[in-house]
Amino acid sequence: MFLPRHVATEIKQLVHDLVQGKFVKISRDGRSGRLDATQLQYAINKYGNRLTMPPDSSFEEIEGWLVDTEVLPTWSTEFDLWTADEGKSDLTLLLTISDTWNGIVRIEIDDLRAL
């Protein structure tokens, strides 16, 4: 199933913050999940290519899998990051996203890895 548009917008903001190197911000607001700012920065630097924003079309139809065990609407998804040298890269965000009752989307990075 494709994720709702407002959820894709939150993924786009997270990717923007990663591209801008705002690792501390991502960690402080809880989006980094189990990774702290240093681990997140290390994983991206280790990959070796500079992140760039994907084209807007990458955010239009993001597939997600509904997590049945949660009370709130919750999805798991993977999102490929882009780099200046490669375009679409092998570096992938694994995310859990919850849509709260008051309309706030909670997003957490489960992992960041080269797939």
C-alpha atoms as a PDB file:
ATOM      1  CA  MET A   1       0.000   0.000   0.000  1.00  0.00           C
ATOM      2  CA  PHE A   2       1.157   3.550  -0.638  1.00  0.00           C
ATOM      3  CA  LEU A   3       1.651   5.821   2.357  1.00  0.00           C
ATOM      4  CA  PRO A   4      -0.685   8.810   2.812  1.00  0.00           C
ATOM      5  CA  ARG A   5       0.602  12.092   1.362  1.00  0.00           C
ATOM      6  CA  HIS A   6       1.016  13.771   4.768  1.00  0.00           C
ATOM      7  CA  VAL A   7       3.243  10.882   5.881  1.00  0.00           C
ATOM      8  CA  ALA A   8       5.371  11.175   2.729  1.00  0.00           C
ATOM      9  CA  THR A   9       5.782  14.878   3.521  1.00  0.00           C
ATOM     10  CA  GLU A  10       7.331  13.965   6.883  1.00  0.00           C
ATOM     11  CA  ILE A  11       9.718  11.523   5.193  1.00  0.00           C
ATOM     12  CA  LYS A  12      10.729  14.306   2.804  1.00  0.00           C
ATOM     13  CA  GLN A  13      11.490  16.606   5.761  1.00  0.00           C
ATOM     14  CA  LEU A  14      13.609  13.901   7.409  1.00  0.00           C
ATOM     15  CA  VAL A  15      15.568  13.336   4.183  1.00  0.00           C
ATOM     16  CA  HIS A  16      16.056  17.101   3.828  1.00  0.00           C
ATOM     17  CA  ASP A  17      17.460  17.271   7.359  1.00  0.00           C
ATOM     18  CA  LEU A  18      19.811  14.348   6.612  1.00  0.00           C
ATOM     19  CA  VAL A  19      21.033  16.046   3.428  1.00  0.00           C
ATOM     20  CA  GLN A  20      21.614  19.265   5.406  1.00  0.00           C
ATOM     21  CA  GLY A  21      23.578  17.341   8.071  1.00  0.00           C
ATOM     22  CA  LYS A  22      21.160  18.209  10.879  1.00  0.00           C
ATOM     23  CA  PHE A  23      21.970  15.037  12.814  1.00  0.00           C
ATOM     24  CA  VAL A  24      21.664  16.604  16.270  1.00  0.00           C
ATOM     25  CA  LYS A  25      18.221  18.014  15.408  1.00  0.00           C
ATOM     26  CA  ILE A  26      17.096  14.595  14.140  1.00  0.00           C
ATOM     27  CA  SER A  27      18.372  12.937  17.310  1.00  0.00           C
ATOM     28  CA  ARG A  28      16.850  15.518  19.659  1.00  0.00           C
ATOM     29  CA  ASP A  29      13.364  15.283  18.196  1.00  0.00           C
ATOM     30  CA  GLY A  30      13.406  11.477  18.299  1.00  0.00           C
ATOM     31  CA  ARG A  31      13.470  10.790  14.570  1.00  0.00           C
ATOM     32  CA  SER A  32      16.857   9.041  14.794  1.00  0.00           C
ATOM     33  CA  GLY A  33      15.299   6.110  16.641  1.00  0.00           C
ATOM     34  CA  ARG A  34      17.943   3.877  18.192  1.00  0.00           C
ATOM     35  CA  LEU A  35      20.783   5.814  16.535  1.00  0.00           C
ATOM     36  CA  ASP A  36      22.289   8.896  18.121  1.00  0.00           C
ATOM     37  CA  ALA A  37      23.522  11.873  16.091  1.00  0.00           C
ATOM     38  CA  THR A  38      27.104  10.589  15.970  1.00  0.00           C
ATOM     39  CA  GLN A  39      26.067   7.124  14.742  1.00  0.00           C
ATOM     40  CA  LEU A  40      23.814   8.613  12.099  1.00  0.00           C
ATOM     41  CA  GLN A  41      26.552  10.920  10.836  1.00  0.00           C
ATOM     42  CA  TYR A  42      29.096   8.077  10.898  1.00  0.00           C
ATOM     43  CA  ALA A  43      26.861   5.777   8.832  1.00  0.00           C
ATOM     44  CA  ILE A  44      26.375   8.439   6.162  1.00  0.00           C
ATOM     45  CA  ASN A  45      30.045   9.464   6.092  1.00  0.00           C
ATOM     46  CA  LYS A  46      31.137   5.824   5.922  1.00  0.00           C
ATOM     47  CA  TYR A  47      29.043   5.370   2.783  1.00  0.00           C
ATOM     48  CA  GLY A  48      31.364   7.898   1.206  1.00  0.00           C
ATOM     49  CA  ASN A  49      29.137   9.950  -1.090  1.00  0.00           C
ATOM     50  CA  ARG A  50      27.472  13.299  -0.390  1.00  0.00           C
ATOM     51  CA  LEU A  51      23.707  13.055   0.054  1.00  0.00           C
ATOM     52  CA  THR A  52      21.432  15.105  -2.196  1.00  0.00           C
ATOM     53  CA  MET A  53      17.674  15.546  -2.249  1.00  0.00           C
ATOM     54  CA  PRO A  54      15.867  12.970  -4.357  1.00  0.00           C
ATOM     55  CA  PRO A  55      13.493  14.259  -7.024  1.00  0.00           C
ATOM     56  CA  ASP A  56      10.012  15.131  -5.763  1.00  0.00           C
ATOM     57  CA  SER A  57       8.625  12.152  -7.676  1.00  0.00           C
ATOM     58  CA  SER A  58      10.455   9.843  -5.222  1.00  0.00           C
ATOM     59  CA  PHE A  59       8.091  10.979  -2.480  1.00  0.00           C
ATOM     60  CA  GLU A  60       4.854  10.560  -4.439  1.00  0.00           C
ATOM     61  CA  GLU A  61       4.315   6.823  -4.070  1.00  0.00           C
ATOM     62  CA  ILE A  62       6.213   5.407  -1.115  1.00  0.00           C
ATOM     63  CA  GLU A  63       5.220   1.862  -0.300  1.00  0.00           C
ATOM     64  CA  GLY A  64       4.583   0.967   3.308  1.00  0.00           C
ATOM     65  CA  TRP A  65       3.513  -2.099   5.216  1.00  0.00           C
ATOM     66  CA  LEU A  66       0.877  -1.707   7.894  1.00  0.00           C
ATOM     67  CA  VAL A  67       1.975  -2.885  11.356  1.00  0.00           C
ATOM     68  CA  ASP A  68      -1.037  -4.793  12.658  1.00  0.00           C
ATOM     69  CA  THR A  69       0.093  -4.916  16.276  1.00  0.00           C
ATOM     70  CA  GLU A  70      -0.129  -1.163  16.888  1.00  0.00           C
ATOM     71  CA  VAL A  71      -3.196   0.800  18.054  1.00  0.00           C
ATOM     72  CA  LEU A  72      -2.375   3.875  15.977  1.00  0.00           C
ATOM     73  CA  PRO A  73      -2.000   3.588  12.194  1.00  0.00           C
ATOM     74  CA  THR A  74       1.651   2.520  11.880  1.00  0.00           C
ATOM     75  CA  TRP A  75       3.724   1.572   8.849  1.00  0.00           C
ATOM     76  CA  SER A  76       7.168   0.219   8.102  1.00  0.00           C
ATOM     77  CA  THR A  77       8.872   1.425   4.973  1.00  0.00           C
ATOM     78  CA  GLU A  78      12.204   1.660   3.186  1.00  0.00           C
ATOM     79  CA  PHE A  79      13.386   4.770   1.385  1.00  0.00           C
ATOM     80  CA  ASP A  80      16.422   4.933  -0.899  1.00  0.00           C
ATOM     81  CA  LEU A  81      18.620   7.976  -0.400  1.00  0.00           C
ATOM     82  CA  TRP A  82      20.289   9.808  -3.286  1.00  0.00           C
ATOM     83  CA  THR A  83      23.881  10.997  -3.639  1.00  0.00           C
ATOM     84  CA  ALA A  84      25.587  13.534  -5.858  1.00  0.00           C
ATOM     85  CA  ASP A  85      27.708  10.844  -7.551  1.00  0.00           C
ATOM     86  CA  GLU A  86      25.185   8.040  -7.951  1.00  0.00           C
ATOM     87  CA  GLY A  87      21.730   9.536  -8.047  1.00  0.00           C
ATOM     88  CA  LYS A  88      19.596   6.834  -6.416  1.00  0.00           C
ATOM     89  CA  SER A  89      21.999   5.023  -4.115  1.00  0.00           C
ATOM     90  CA  ASP A  90      22.177   1.757  -2.219  1.00  0.00           C
ATOM     91  CA  LEU A  91      21.945   3.669   1.063  1.00  0.00           C
ATOM     92  CA  THR A  92      18.489   2.987   2.452  1.00  0.00           C
ATOM     93  CA  LEU A  93      16.504   4.328   5.381  1.00  0.00           C
ATOM     94  CA  LEU A  94      14.363   1.770   7.197  1.00  0.00           C
ATOM     95  CA  LEU A  95      11.584   3.655   8.975  1.00  0.00           C
ATOM     96  CA  THR A  96       8.643   3.169  11.305  1.00  0.00           C
ATOM     97  CA  ILE A  97       5.943   5.815  10.992  1.00  0.00           C
ATOM     98  CA  SER A  98       2.918   6.351  13.262  1.00  0.00           C
ATOM     99  CA  ASP A  99      -0.002   8.651  12.565  1.00  0.00           C
ATOM    100  CA  THR A 100      -1.278   9.915  15.924  1.00  0.00           C
ATOM    101  CA  TRP A 101      -4.889  10.751  16.687  1.00  0.00           C
ATOM    102  CA  ASN A 102      -4.157  14.488  16.766  1.00  0.00           C
ATOM    103  CA  GLY A 103      -2.651  14.458  13.265  1.00  0.00           C
ATOM    104  CA  ILE A 104       0.997  14.476  14.282  1.00  0.00           C
ATOM    105  CA  VAL A 105       3.170  12.020  12.374  1.00  0.00           C
ATOM    106  CA  ARG A 106       5.866  10.281  14.399  1.00  0.00           C
ATOM    107  CA  ILE A 107       8.758   8.972  12.348  1.00  0.00           C
ATOM    108  CA  GLU A 108      11.746   6.933  13.553  1.00  0.00           C
ATOM    109  CA  ILE A 109      14.781   5.593  11.776  1.00  0.00           C
ATOM    110  CA  ASP A 110      15.067   1.871  12.474  1.00  0.00           C
ATOM    111  CA  ASP A 111      18.249   1.499  10.465  1.00  0.00           C
ATOM    112  CA  LEU A 112      20.375   3.141   7.803  1.00  0.00           C
ATOM    113  CA  ARG A 113      22.252   0.689   5.618  1.00  0.00           C
ATOM    114  CA  ALA A 114      23.499  -0.123   2.178  1.00  0.00           C
ATOM    115  CA  LEU A 115      21.143  -2.692   0.668  1.00  0.00           C
END
